Amino acid sequence: MESLMGIVVLTLFALAAFFVGWGAVRLLRRARLGWYAGVPLLVTAGSGYGVAWLLWPSYYAGPAVLVWWGCAFFGNVSGWFCPARGLHA
């Protein structure tokens, strides 16, 4: 049962990171190109450092930050390459 709970927690952690990255891109969809490309990456990096700060005394802080950055970056990429619903190019 404990391993199932660990998988659930890891999945929720990864989904939260993904949607932080995706949401940052979606919020800046109509901004200028520099803001649209740069700010989501800063949000990804800053939120990862926030996760590290929250988990710092643990040895899991490093792997957790890498997982957070990876999932948030995939959220950024997904937001950049998937078209917005209701908007046409």
N, C-alpha and C. Protein backbone atom coordinates (compact mmCIF):
# COMPACT_ATOMS: atom_id res chain seq x y z
N MET A 1 0.82 -1.20 0.00
CA MET A 1 0.00 0.00 0.00
C MET A 1 0.86 1.26 0.00
N GLU A 2 2.02 1.20 0.69
CA GLU A 2 2.89 2.37 0.74
C GLU A 2 3.46 2.70 -0.63
N SER A 3 3.78 1.68 -1.44
CA SER A 3 4.33 1.95 -2.76
C SER A 3 3.28 2.60 -3.66
N LEU A 4 2.03 2.19 -3.50
CA LEU A 4 0.96 2.82 -4.28
C LEU A 4 0.81 4.28 -3.90
N MET A 5 0.90 4.57 -2.62
CA MET A 5 0.79 5.95 -2.16
C MET A 5 1.96 6.78 -2.69
N GLY A 6 3.14 6.20 -2.76
CA GLY A 6 4.30 6.90 -3.32
C GLY A 6 4.11 7.21 -4.79
N ILE A 7 3.54 6.29 -5.54
CA ILE A 7 3.29 6.52 -6.96
C ILE A 7 2.25 7.62 -7.13
N VAL A 8 1.23 7.63 -6.29
CA VAL A 8 0.20 8.66 -6.37
C VAL A 8 0.79 10.03 -6.05
N VAL A 9 1.62 10.11 -5.02
CA VAL A 9 2.24 11.38 -4.65
C VAL A 9 3.18 11.87 -5.76
N LEU A 10 3.97 10.98 -6.33
CA LEU A 10 4.87 11.35 -7.42
C LEU A 10 4.09 11.82 -8.64
N THR A 11 2.98 11.15 -8.94
CA THR A 11 2.15 11.56 -10.07
C THR A 11 1.54 12.93 -9.85
N LEU A 12 1.03 13.19 -8.67
CA LEU A 12 0.46 14.51 -8.37
C LEU A 12 1.53 15.60 -8.40
N PHE A 13 2.72 15.27 -7.91
CA PHE A 13 3.84 16.20 -7.95
C PHE A 13 4.20 16.55 -9.39
N ALA A 14 4.28 15.53 -10.25
CA ALA A 14 4.62 15.76 -11.65
C ALA A 14 3.53 16.54 -12.36
N LEU A 15 2.27 16.23 -12.07
CA LEU A 15 1.17 16.97 -12.69
C LEU A 15 1.16 18.43 -12.25
N ALA A 16 1.44 18.68 -10.98
CA ALA A 16 1.50 20.06 -10.50
C ALA A 16 2.60 20.83 -11.23
N ALA A 17 3.75 20.20 -11.40
CA ALA A 17 4.86 20.86 -12.11
C ALA A 17 4.48 21.12 -13.57
N PHE A 18 3.88 20.13 -14.21
CA PHE A 18 3.48 20.29 -15.61
C PHE A 18 2.52 21.47 -15.76
N PHE A 19 1.53 21.55 -14.89
CA PHE A 19 0.54 22.61 -15.03
C PHE A 19 1.06 23.98 -14.60
N VAL A 20 2.10 24.02 -13.78
CA VAL A 20 2.76 25.31 -13.51
C VAL A 20 3.42 25.81 -14.79
N GLY A 21 4.14 24.95 -15.47
CA GLY A 21 4.79 25.34 -16.73
C GLY A 21 3.79 25.66 -17.82
N TRP A 22 2.77 24.85 -17.96
CA TRP A 22 1.75 25.07 -18.98
C TRP A 22 0.96 26.35 -18.70
N GLY A 23 0.63 26.57 -17.44
CA GLY A 23 -0.13 27.75 -17.07
C GLY A 23 0.65 29.04 -17.28
N ALA A 24 1.95 28.99 -17.04
CA ALA A 24 2.77 30.18 -17.27
C ALA A 24 2.76 30.57 -18.74
N VAL A 25 2.81 29.59 -19.62
CA VAL A 25 2.76 29.87 -21.05
C VAL A 25 1.37 30.39 -21.44
N ARG A 26 0.34 29.77 -20.90
CA ARG A 26 -1.03 30.17 -21.26
C ARG A 26 -1.36 31.59 -20.80
N LEU A 27 -0.83 31.98 -19.65
CA LEU A 27 -1.09 33.33 -19.16
C LEU A 27 -0.44 34.40 -20.03
N LEU A 28 0.66 34.04 -20.65
CA LEU A 28 1.40 35.02 -21.45
C LEU A 28 1.22 34.81 -22.96
N ARG A 29 0.16 34.13 -23.34
CA ARG A 29 -0.02 33.79 -24.76
C ARG A 29 -0.06 35.03 -25.65
N ARG A 30 -0.65 36.09 -25.21
CA ARG A 30 -0.79 37.28 -26.06
C ARG A 30 0.29 38.33 -25.78
N ALA A 31 1.28 38.00 -25.00
CA ALA A 31 2.36 38.95 -24.70
C ALA A 31 3.36 39.00 -25.86
N ARG A 32 4.27 39.96 -25.77
CA ARG A 32 5.33 40.04 -26.78
C ARG A 32 6.21 38.80 -26.72
N LEU A 33 6.94 38.56 -27.79
CA LEU A 33 7.71 37.33 -27.93
C LEU A 33 8.73 37.14 -26.82
N GLY A 34 9.42 38.19 -26.42
CA GLY A 34 10.42 38.06 -25.35
C GLY A 34 9.79 37.63 -24.04
N TRP A 35 8.67 38.21 -23.71
CA TRP A 35 7.96 37.83 -22.48
C TRP A 35 7.39 36.42 -22.61
N TYR A 36 6.83 36.13 -23.78
CA TYR A 36 6.19 34.83 -24.02
C TYR A 36 7.19 33.69 -23.96
N ALA A 37 8.43 33.93 -24.39
CA ALA A 37 9.44 32.88 -24.38
C ALA A 37 10.25 32.85 -23.09
N GLY A 38 10.49 34.02 -22.48
CA GLY A 38 11.39 34.07 -21.33
C GLY A 38 10.76 33.85 -19.98
N VAL A 39 9.60 34.47 -19.75
CA VAL A 39 9.00 34.41 -18.42
C VAL A 39 8.59 32.99 -18.02
N PRO A 40 8.00 32.17 -18.90
CA PRO A 40 7.69 30.80 -18.47
C PRO A 40 8.92 30.00 -18.03
N LEU A 41 10.06 30.24 -18.69
CA LEU A 41 11.27 29.54 -18.26
C LEU A 41 11.74 30.04 -16.89
N LEU A 42 11.58 31.33 -16.64
CA LEU A 42 11.92 31.86 -15.31
C LEU A 42 10.97 31.32 -14.24
N VAL A 43 9.69 31.18 -14.58
CA VAL A 43 8.74 30.59 -13.65
C VAL A 43 9.10 29.14 -13.36
N THR A 44 9.51 28.41 -14.40
CA THR A 44 9.93 27.02 -14.22
C THR A 44 11.14 26.93 -13.29
N ALA A 45 12.14 27.77 -13.55
CA ALA A 45 13.35 27.74 -12.72
C ALA A 45 13.06 28.19 -11.30
N GLY A 46 12.31 29.27 -11.16
CA GLY A 46 12.01 29.79 -9.82
C GLY A 46 11.15 28.85 -8.99
N SER A 47 10.17 28.23 -9.62
CA SER A 47 9.34 27.29 -8.85
C SER A 47 10.15 26.05 -8.46
N GLY A 48 11.10 25.65 -9.31
CA GLY A 48 11.97 24.53 -8.95
C GLY A 48 12.84 24.85 -7.74
N TYR A 49 13.36 26.07 -7.71
CA TYR A 49 14.14 26.47 -6.54
C TYR A 49 13.26 26.57 -5.31
N GLY A 50 12.00 26.94 -5.48
CA GLY A 50 11.06 26.95 -4.36
C GLY A 50 10.83 25.56 -3.81
N VAL A 51 10.71 24.59 -4.70
CA VAL A 51 10.56 23.19 -4.27
C VAL A 51 11.81 22.74 -3.52
N ALA A 52 12.98 23.10 -4.02
CA ALA A 52 14.22 22.74 -3.33
C ALA A 52 14.29 23.37 -1.95
N TRP A 53 13.84 24.60 -1.84
CA TRP A 53 13.86 25.28 -0.55
C TRP A 53 12.92 24.59 0.44
N LEU A 54 11.76 24.16 -0.05
CA LEU A 54 10.81 23.47 0.83
C LEU A 54 11.32 22.11 1.29
N LEU A 55 12.06 21.43 0.43
CA LEU A 55 12.53 20.07 0.73
C LEU A 55 13.99 20.02 1.15
N TRP A 56 14.61 21.17 1.44
CA TRP A 56 16.06 21.23 1.56
C TRP A 56 16.70 20.23 2.53
N PRO A 57 16.23 20.05 3.75
CA PRO A 57 16.97 19.13 4.62
C PRO A 57 16.98 17.69 4.13
N SER A 58 16.14 17.37 3.19
CA SER A 58 16.03 15.99 2.72
C SER A 58 17.00 15.72 1.58
N TYR A 59 17.43 14.48 1.49
CA TYR A 59 18.25 14.07 0.35
C TYR A 59 17.43 13.98 -0.93
N TYR A 60 16.13 14.03 -0.82
CA TYR A 60 15.26 13.97 -1.99
C TYR A 60 15.08 15.33 -2.67
N ALA A 61 15.66 16.38 -2.13
CA ALA A 61 15.49 17.71 -2.71
C ALA A 61 16.06 17.79 -4.12
N GLY A 62 17.24 17.24 -4.33
CA GLY A 62 17.86 17.28 -5.66
C GLY A 62 17.07 16.53 -6.72
N PRO A 63 16.72 15.26 -6.48
CA PRO A 63 15.89 14.56 -7.48
C PRO A 63 14.52 15.20 -7.66
N ALA A 64 13.94 15.74 -6.59
CA ALA A 64 12.63 16.38 -6.71
C ALA A 64 12.71 17.60 -7.60
N VAL A 65 13.78 18.38 -7.48
CA VAL A 65 13.95 19.56 -8.33
C VAL A 65 14.13 19.15 -9.79
N LEU A 66 14.88 18.10 -10.03
CA LEU A 66 15.07 17.65 -11.41
C LEU A 66 13.76 17.17 -12.03
N VAL A 67 12.97 16.44 -11.25
CA VAL A 67 11.66 16.00 -11.73
C VAL A 67 10.77 17.22 -11.98
N TRP A 68 10.78 18.19 -11.04
CA TRP A 68 9.96 19.39 -11.20
C TRP A 68 10.35 20.15 -12.47
N TRP A 69 11.66 20.39 -12.65
CA TRP A 69 12.11 21.13 -13.83
C TRP A 69 11.75 20.40 -15.12
N GLY A 70 11.94 19.09 -15.13
CA GLY A 70 11.60 18.33 -16.34
C GLY A 70 10.12 18.40 -16.68
N CYS A 71 9.28 18.19 -15.70
CA CYS A 71 7.84 18.21 -15.95
C CYS A 71 7.35 19.62 -16.27
N ALA A 72 7.87 20.63 -15.58
CA ALA A 72 7.46 22.01 -15.87
C ALA A 72 7.95 22.43 -17.26
N PHE A 73 9.14 21.99 -17.65
CA PHE A 73 9.62 22.32 -18.99
C PHE A 73 8.75 21.66 -20.06
N PHE A 74 8.33 20.41 -19.82
CA PHE A 74 7.41 19.77 -20.77
C PHE A 74 6.08 20.50 -20.81
N GLY A 75 5.67 21.07 -19.69
CA GLY A 75 4.47 21.91 -19.69
C GLY A 75 4.67 23.17 -20.51
N ASN A 76 5.86 23.78 -20.41
CA ASN A 76 6.18 24.94 -21.25
C ASN A 76 6.11 24.57 -22.73
N VAL A 77 6.75 23.50 -23.10
CA VAL A 77 6.78 23.07 -24.49
C VAL A 77 5.37 22.75 -24.99
N SER A 78 4.60 22.09 -24.16
CA SER A 78 3.22 21.77 -24.53
C SER A 78 2.41 23.04 -24.75
N GLY A 79 2.59 24.02 -23.89
CA GLY A 79 1.87 25.27 -24.06
C GLY A 79 2.29 26.03 -25.30
N TRP A 80 3.57 25.95 -25.65
CA TRP A 80 4.06 26.66 -26.83
C TRP A 80 3.60 26.01 -28.13
N PHE A 81 3.55 24.68 -28.17
CA PHE A 81 3.28 24.00 -29.43
C PHE A 81 1.85 23.55 -29.61
N CYS A 82 1.05 23.51 -28.58
CA CYS A 82 -0.36 23.12 -28.73
C CYS A 82 -1.19 24.38 -28.94
N PRO A 83 -2.02 24.40 -29.95
CA PRO A 83 -2.81 25.61 -30.21
C PRO A 83 -3.85 25.83 -29.12
N ALA A 84 -4.16 27.09 -28.90
CA ALA A 84 -5.19 27.43 -27.91
C ALA A 84 -6.57 27.08 -28.49
N ARG A 85 -7.43 26.61 -27.61
CA ARG A 85 -8.79 26.31 -28.05
C ARG A 85 -9.53 27.59 -28.37
N GLY A 86 -10.19 27.63 -29.51
CA GLY A 86 -10.97 28.78 -29.88
C GLY A 86 -10.18 29.86 -30.60
N LEU A 87 -8.87 29.73 -30.67
CA LEU A 87 -8.04 30.69 -31.36
C LEU A 87 -7.48 30.04 -32.62
N HIS A 88 -7.47 30.78 -33.68
CA HIS A 88 -6.95 30.24 -34.94
C HIS A 88 -5.68 30.98 -35.31
N ALA A 89 -4.79 30.28 -35.94
CA ALA A 89 -3.51 30.88 -36.32
C ALA A 89 -3.64 31.86 -37.39
